[in-house]
Structures are given as structure tokens and as C-alpha cells.
Amino acid sequence: MAAVGEWLRDASVPAPARAELAAAVRGTARSLAADAPGGAVEVRVPPFVAVQCIEGLRHTRGTPPNVVETDPRTWLLLATGLLDFEAAVASGVLTASGSRAAEVARWLPIVPL
């Protein structure tokens, strides 16, 4: 997270290297899945990761009923507490579809910055 912290705080700073960005996104998403195990909600941060989390029925085929999807920078802003889940949904930078998708907010931030 150290490699992306300055960029998250200031969008005018050059973006981190792809490998550093990927590591931060994957690490935080996998931490979410470990902290909130289950398969009720799928969190997608293309092109780097998709994880299932939160207790409930596990999804195995087709389009999941509960999906949270966003870009890498927005995900890291959420994961670090620099952006609120509801604000991200309201601004359109995050989609949360399904009756349980918003439950992800309970588990954020993952790594406060």
C-alpha cells in the first residue's frame, strides 16, 4: 500500500507501476474475502481481481446475484477509507447490484491510510 498511498491522496501524482497497483488491489480484495468469508457477494476490480465474500449462498455459475464492481483506484480509495461506499455508488464510480451488495460497506476500510 505504501507504493500507492501518495497517488490515492493526490490524483495529480503519477500512477504507480502496474505491478504495484495490481499487488495493492489483489491484496486488499483478498483481505476482504478473508475477513468476510463466504460467497454471497462478488467484488470485481478489473483487470486485477474478482473475489467472493460475505456469508450466504455461494454463487457458482452465470452472473452472480450480488455484485460490486469498480476500477482499481476507486477500489483502493474505498479499501483505505479515503472514499465512502455510498458516495462512490451515488457518484457512479462503483456499481452495487443485488440486495446484498451494499453489505460490503460494513467491511471497509480494509487498510486505513
N, C-alpha and C. Protein backbone atom coordinates (compact mmCIF):
# COMPACT_ATOMS: atom_id res chain seq x y z
N MET A 1 0.81 -1.20 0.00
CA MET A 1 0.00 0.00 0.00
C MET A 1 0.86 1.26 0.00
N ALA A 2 2.07 1.15 0.49
CA ALA A 2 2.95 2.32 0.52
C ALA A 2 3.20 2.86 -0.89
N ALA A 3 3.24 1.97 -1.86
CA ALA A 3 3.53 2.38 -3.24
C ALA A 3 2.39 3.16 -3.89
N VAL A 4 1.19 3.03 -3.34
CA VAL A 4 0.04 3.70 -3.95
C VAL A 4 -0.55 4.82 -3.09
N GLY A 5 -0.09 4.94 -1.85
CA GLY A 5 -0.67 5.90 -0.91
C GLY A 5 -0.67 7.33 -1.39
N GLU A 6 0.45 7.81 -1.87
CA GLU A 6 0.54 9.20 -2.32
C GLU A 6 -0.40 9.45 -3.50
N TRP A 7 -0.46 8.51 -4.43
CA TRP A 7 -1.34 8.61 -5.61
C TRP A 7 -2.81 8.63 -5.19
N LEU A 8 -3.15 7.87 -4.15
CA LEU A 8 -4.54 7.86 -3.69
C LEU A 8 -4.91 9.19 -3.05
N ARG A 9 -3.98 9.78 -2.34
CA ARG A 9 -4.25 11.07 -1.68
C ARG A 9 -4.27 12.24 -2.66
N ASP A 10 -3.56 12.09 -3.80
CA ASP A 10 -3.42 13.18 -4.75
C ASP A 10 -3.44 12.63 -6.17
N ALA A 11 -4.55 12.79 -6.88
CA ALA A 11 -4.71 12.22 -8.22
C ALA A 11 -3.76 12.83 -9.24
N SER A 12 -3.14 13.97 -8.93
CA SER A 12 -2.20 14.58 -9.87
C SER A 12 -0.82 13.91 -9.83
N VAL A 13 -0.58 13.09 -8.81
CA VAL A 13 0.68 12.34 -8.71
C VAL A 13 0.64 11.23 -9.76
N PRO A 14 1.76 10.94 -10.42
CA PRO A 14 1.77 9.86 -11.40
C PRO A 14 1.31 8.52 -10.79
N ALA A 15 0.57 7.78 -11.57
CA ALA A 15 0.07 6.48 -11.11
C ALA A 15 1.23 5.53 -10.82
N PRO A 16 1.06 4.63 -9.87
CA PRO A 16 2.10 3.65 -9.59
C PRO A 16 2.27 2.68 -10.76
N ALA A 17 3.36 1.94 -10.73
CA ALA A 17 3.60 0.92 -11.74
C ALA A 17 2.47 -0.11 -11.70
N ARG A 18 2.18 -0.70 -12.84
CA ARG A 18 1.09 -1.68 -12.93
C ARG A 18 1.23 -2.81 -11.91
N ALA A 19 2.45 -3.30 -11.71
CA ALA A 19 2.67 -4.40 -10.76
C ALA A 19 2.35 -3.97 -9.33
N GLU A 20 2.70 -2.74 -8.97
CA GLU A 20 2.41 -2.23 -7.63
C GLU A 20 0.91 -2.03 -7.45
N LEU A 21 0.26 -1.50 -8.46
CA LEU A 21 -1.18 -1.30 -8.42
C LEU A 21 -1.90 -2.65 -8.30
N ALA A 22 -1.49 -3.60 -9.10
CA ALA A 22 -2.10 -4.93 -9.07
C ALA A 22 -1.93 -5.58 -7.69
N ALA A 23 -0.75 -5.47 -7.11
CA ALA A 23 -0.50 -6.07 -5.80
C ALA A 23 -1.39 -5.44 -4.74
N ALA A 24 -1.55 -4.12 -4.78
CA ALA A 24 -2.39 -3.44 -3.80
C ALA A 24 -3.86 -3.83 -3.95
N VAL A 25 -4.33 -3.88 -5.18
CA VAL A 25 -5.73 -4.25 -5.43
C VAL A 25 -5.98 -5.70 -5.02
N ARG A 26 -5.14 -6.59 -5.46
CA ARG A 26 -5.32 -8.02 -5.11
C ARG A 26 -5.22 -8.24 -3.61
N GLY A 27 -4.24 -7.61 -3.00
CA GLY A 27 -4.06 -7.80 -1.56
C GLY A 27 -5.25 -7.33 -0.75
N THR A 28 -5.79 -6.16 -1.07
CA THR A 28 -6.93 -5.65 -0.31
C THR A 28 -8.20 -6.45 -0.59
N ALA A 29 -8.41 -6.85 -1.84
CA ALA A 29 -9.60 -7.64 -2.15
C ALA A 29 -9.54 -9.01 -1.48
N ARG A 30 -8.38 -9.61 -1.48
CA ARG A 30 -8.24 -10.92 -0.83
C ARG A 30 -8.34 -10.80 0.69
N SER A 31 -7.91 -9.67 1.24
CA SER A 31 -8.10 -9.43 2.67
C SER A 31 -9.58 -9.32 3.00
N LEU A 32 -10.33 -8.63 2.14
CA LEU A 32 -11.77 -8.56 2.32
C LEU A 32 -12.38 -9.96 2.33
N ALA A 33 -11.99 -10.78 1.37
CA ALA A 33 -12.53 -12.14 1.29
C ALA A 33 -12.16 -12.97 2.53
N ALA A 34 -10.98 -12.73 3.09
CA ALA A 34 -10.57 -13.45 4.30
C ALA A 34 -11.32 -12.94 5.53
N ASP A 35 -11.54 -11.63 5.60
CA ASP A 35 -12.24 -11.03 6.74
C ASP A 35 -13.74 -11.33 6.73
N ALA A 36 -14.31 -11.45 5.55
CA ALA A 36 -15.74 -11.69 5.39
C ALA A 36 -15.94 -12.90 4.48
N PRO A 37 -15.57 -14.09 4.97
CA PRO A 37 -15.64 -15.27 4.09
C PRO A 37 -17.07 -15.60 3.69
N GLY A 38 -17.20 -16.16 2.52
CA GLY A 38 -18.50 -16.56 2.01
C GLY A 38 -18.57 -16.37 0.52
N GLY A 39 -19.75 -16.52 -0.01
CA GLY A 39 -19.91 -16.42 -1.45
C GLY A 39 -21.14 -15.66 -1.87
N ALA A 40 -21.71 -14.84 -0.98
CA ALA A 40 -22.94 -14.14 -1.31
C ALA A 40 -22.74 -12.94 -2.23
N VAL A 41 -21.56 -12.31 -2.17
CA VAL A 41 -21.29 -11.11 -2.96
C VAL A 41 -19.99 -11.30 -3.71
N GLU A 42 -19.98 -10.91 -4.97
CA GLU A 42 -18.75 -10.94 -5.75
C GLU A 42 -18.26 -9.51 -5.91
N VAL A 43 -17.00 -9.28 -5.55
CA VAL A 43 -16.36 -7.97 -5.72
C VAL A 43 -15.42 -8.09 -6.90
N ARG A 44 -15.62 -7.22 -7.89
CA ARG A 44 -14.81 -7.25 -9.11
C ARG A 44 -14.05 -5.93 -9.26
N VAL A 45 -12.74 -6.07 -9.49
CA VAL A 45 -11.90 -4.91 -9.76
C VAL A 45 -11.07 -5.25 -10.99
N PRO A 46 -11.68 -5.12 -12.17
CA PRO A 46 -10.96 -5.46 -13.39
C PRO A 46 -9.82 -4.47 -13.65
N PRO A 47 -8.75 -4.91 -14.21
CA PRO A 47 -8.48 -6.25 -14.72
C PRO A 47 -7.76 -7.16 -13.72
N PHE A 48 -7.74 -6.76 -12.44
CA PHE A 48 -6.86 -7.44 -11.50
C PHE A 48 -7.46 -8.57 -10.67
N VAL A 49 -8.70 -8.46 -10.23
CA VAL A 49 -9.19 -9.47 -9.29
C VAL A 49 -10.71 -9.50 -9.23
N ALA A 50 -11.23 -10.65 -8.87
CA ALA A 50 -12.63 -10.83 -8.50
C ALA A 50 -12.63 -11.82 -7.34
N VAL A 51 -13.31 -11.46 -6.26
CA VAL A 51 -13.39 -12.33 -5.10
C VAL A 51 -14.83 -12.46 -4.65
N GLN A 52 -15.13 -13.57 -4.02
CA GLN A 52 -16.44 -13.74 -3.40
C GLN A 52 -16.27 -13.59 -1.90
N CYS A 53 -17.26 -12.97 -1.27
CA CYS A 53 -17.19 -12.72 0.16
C CYS A 53 -18.58 -12.66 0.76
N ILE A 54 -18.64 -12.56 2.04
CA ILE A 54 -19.84 -12.41 2.86
C ILE A 54 -20.66 -13.71 2.89
N GLU A 55 -20.95 -14.13 4.10
CA GLU A 55 -21.69 -15.37 4.31
C GLU A 55 -23.01 -15.37 3.56
N GLY A 56 -23.36 -16.54 3.07
CA GLY A 56 -24.61 -16.71 2.34
C GLY A 56 -24.43 -17.73 1.25
N LEU A 57 -25.42 -17.86 0.43
CA LEU A 57 -25.36 -18.83 -0.65
C LEU A 57 -24.20 -18.52 -1.58
N ARG A 58 -23.44 -19.54 -1.90
CA ARG A 58 -22.28 -19.39 -2.78
C ARG A 58 -22.75 -19.41 -4.23
N HIS A 59 -22.20 -18.50 -5.00
CA HIS A 59 -22.52 -18.42 -6.42
C HIS A 59 -21.50 -19.24 -7.20
N THR A 60 -21.97 -20.06 -8.15
CA THR A 60 -21.03 -20.89 -8.90
C THR A 60 -21.15 -20.79 -10.42
N ARG A 61 -22.28 -20.34 -10.95
CA ARG A 61 -22.43 -20.30 -12.41
C ARG A 61 -23.19 -19.07 -12.86
N GLY A 62 -22.84 -18.57 -14.03
CA GLY A 62 -23.56 -17.43 -14.59
C GLY A 62 -23.27 -16.12 -13.87
N THR A 63 -24.13 -15.16 -14.05
CA THR A 63 -23.96 -13.86 -13.42
C THR A 63 -24.39 -13.93 -11.96
N PRO A 64 -23.53 -13.52 -11.05
CA PRO A 64 -23.89 -13.56 -9.63
C PRO A 64 -25.04 -12.60 -9.32
N PRO A 65 -25.86 -12.91 -8.32
CA PRO A 65 -26.98 -12.04 -7.98
C PRO A 65 -26.55 -10.75 -7.25
N ASN A 66 -25.38 -10.76 -6.60
CA ASN A 66 -24.90 -9.61 -5.84
C ASN A 66 -23.48 -9.29 -6.28
N VAL A 67 -23.30 -8.15 -6.94
CA VAL A 67 -22.00 -7.79 -7.50
C VAL A 67 -21.65 -6.35 -7.14
N VAL A 68 -20.40 -6.18 -6.74
CA VAL A 68 -19.83 -4.85 -6.54
C VAL A 68 -18.69 -4.75 -7.55
N GLU A 69 -18.68 -3.70 -8.37
CA GLU A 69 -17.63 -3.57 -9.39
C GLU A 69 -17.18 -2.12 -9.49
N THR A 70 -15.86 -1.97 -9.60
CA THR A 70 -15.28 -0.64 -9.74
C THR A 70 -13.88 -0.74 -10.34
N ASP A 71 -13.30 0.41 -10.60
CA ASP A 71 -11.95 0.47 -11.14
C ASP A 71 -10.93 0.37 -10.00
N PRO A 72 -9.66 0.10 -10.33
CA PRO A 72 -8.64 -0.08 -9.29
C PRO A 72 -8.47 1.11 -8.35
N ARG A 73 -8.43 2.33 -8.86
CA ARG A 73 -8.21 3.48 -7.97
C ARG A 73 -9.38 3.65 -7.01
N THR A 74 -10.59 3.55 -7.52
CA THR A 74 -11.76 3.68 -6.65
C THR A 74 -11.77 2.59 -5.59
N TRP A 75 -11.44 1.36 -5.98
CA TRP A 75 -11.40 0.27 -5.01
C TRP A 75 -10.40 0.59 -3.89
N LEU A 76 -9.23 1.06 -4.27
CA LEU A 76 -8.22 1.36 -3.25
C LEU A 76 -8.63 2.54 -2.38
N LEU A 77 -9.32 3.51 -2.94
CA LEU A 77 -9.86 4.61 -2.13
C LEU A 77 -10.86 4.07 -1.10
N LEU A 78 -11.70 3.14 -1.51
CA LEU A 78 -12.65 2.50 -0.59
C LEU A 78 -11.92 1.67 0.45
N ALA A 79 -10.95 0.88 -0.01
CA ALA A 79 -10.22 -0.04 0.87
C ALA A 79 -9.42 0.70 1.94
N THR A 80 -9.03 1.93 1.65
CA THR A 80 -8.23 2.71 2.59
C THR A 80 -9.07 3.69 3.41
N GLY A 81 -10.34 3.79 3.13
CA GLY A 81 -11.20 4.70 3.86
C GLY A 81 -11.17 6.13 3.34
N LEU A 82 -10.53 6.35 2.21
CA LEU A 82 -10.48 7.70 1.63
C LEU A 82 -11.73 8.04 0.83
N LEU A 83 -12.60 7.05 0.61
CA LEU A 83 -13.86 7.25 -0.10
C LEU A 83 -14.93 6.39 0.58
N ASP A 84 -16.08 6.96 0.76
CA ASP A 84 -17.22 6.28 1.37
C ASP A 84 -17.97 5.45 0.32
N PHE A 85 -18.41 4.27 0.69
CA PHE A 85 -19.10 3.36 -0.21
C PHE A 85 -20.33 4.01 -0.83
N GLU A 86 -21.17 4.62 -0.01
CA GLU A 86 -22.40 5.23 -0.51
C GLU A 86 -22.10 6.39 -1.47
N ALA A 87 -21.05 7.15 -1.15
CA ALA A 87 -20.66 8.26 -2.03
C ALA A 87 -20.17 7.73 -3.37
N ALA A 88 -19.46 6.62 -3.36
CA ALA A 88 -18.97 6.02 -4.60
C ALA A 88 -20.13 5.54 -5.46
N VAL A 89 -21.13 4.93 -4.85
CA VAL A 89 -22.32 4.48 -5.58
C VAL A 89 -23.05 5.69 -6.14
N ALA A 90 -23.26 6.70 -5.31
CA ALA A 90 -24.01 7.89 -5.73
C ALA A 90 -23.33 8.61 -6.90
N SER A 91 -21.99 8.62 -6.91
CA SER A 91 -21.28 9.32 -7.98
C SER A 91 -21.14 8.47 -9.24
N GLY A 92 -21.47 7.20 -9.16
CA GLY A 92 -21.42 6.33 -10.33
C GLY A 92 -20.07 5.67 -10.58
N VAL A 93 -19.11 5.83 -9.68
CA VAL A 93 -17.80 5.19 -9.88
C VAL A 93 -17.78 3.75 -9.38
N LEU A 94 -18.85 3.35 -8.71
CA LEU A 94 -18.97 1.98 -8.20
C LEU A 94 -20.39 1.51 -8.48
N THR A 95 -20.52 0.28 -8.98
CA THR A 95 -21.85 -0.30 -9.14
C THR A 95 -22.03 -1.37 -8.07
N ALA A 96 -23.19 -1.37 -7.47
CA ALA A 96 -23.52 -2.36 -6.45
C ALA A 96 -24.90 -2.88 -6.80
N SER A 97 -24.94 -4.07 -7.40
CA SER A 97 -26.22 -4.63 -7.82
C SER A 97 -26.55 -5.85 -6.96
N GLY A 98 -27.81 -5.98 -6.67
CA GLY A 98 -28.28 -7.09 -5.84
C GLY A 98 -28.60 -6.62 -4.44
N SER A 99 -29.45 -7.35 -3.77
CA SER A 99 -29.94 -6.94 -2.45
C SER A 99 -28.87 -6.97 -1.37
N ARG A 100 -27.79 -7.72 -1.57
CA ARG A 100 -26.76 -7.83 -0.52
C ARG A 100 -25.45 -7.13 -0.87
N ALA A 101 -25.35 -6.55 -2.04
CA ALA A 101 -24.09 -5.95 -2.48
C ALA A 101 -23.60 -4.86 -1.53
N ALA A 102 -24.49 -4.05 -1.01
CA ALA A 102 -24.10 -2.95 -0.13
C ALA A 102 -23.51 -3.41 1.20
N GLU A 103 -23.66 -4.70 1.52
CA GLU A 103 -23.09 -5.22 2.76
C GLU A 103 -21.57 -5.14 2.77
N VAL A 104 -20.96 -5.01 1.62
CA VAL A 104 -19.51 -4.87 1.54
C VAL A 104 -19.05 -3.65 2.34
N ALA A 105 -19.87 -2.61 2.39
CA ALA A 105 -19.51 -1.37 3.10
C ALA A 105 -19.19 -1.64 4.56
N ARG A 106 -19.82 -2.62 5.14
CA ARG A 106 -19.58 -2.96 6.56
C ARG A 106 -18.14 -3.36 6.81
N TRP A 107 -17.47 -3.88 5.80
CA TRP A 107 -16.11 -4.41 5.95
C TRP A 107 -15.04 -3.41 5.52
N LEU A 108 -15.45 -2.21 5.18
CA LEU A 108 -14.50 -1.18 4.75
C LEU A 108 -14.32 -0.14 5.84
N PRO A 109 -13.16 0.46 5.99
CA PRO A 109 -11.95 0.25 5.21
C PRO A 109 -11.23 -1.03 5.64
N ILE A 110 -10.39 -1.51 4.76
CA ILE A 110 -9.60 -2.72 5.00
C ILE A 110 -8.25 -2.35 5.59
N VAL A 111 -7.61 -1.34 5.00
CA VAL A 111 -6.30 -0.87 5.44
C VAL A 111 -6.37 0.66 5.52
N PRO A 112 -6.73 1.21 6.68
CA PRO A 112 -6.83 2.67 6.76
C PRO A 112 -5.51 3.35 6.41
N LEU A 113 -5.60 4.42 5.64
CA LEU A 113 -4.41 5.19 5.25
C LEU A 113 -4.36 6.50 6.00
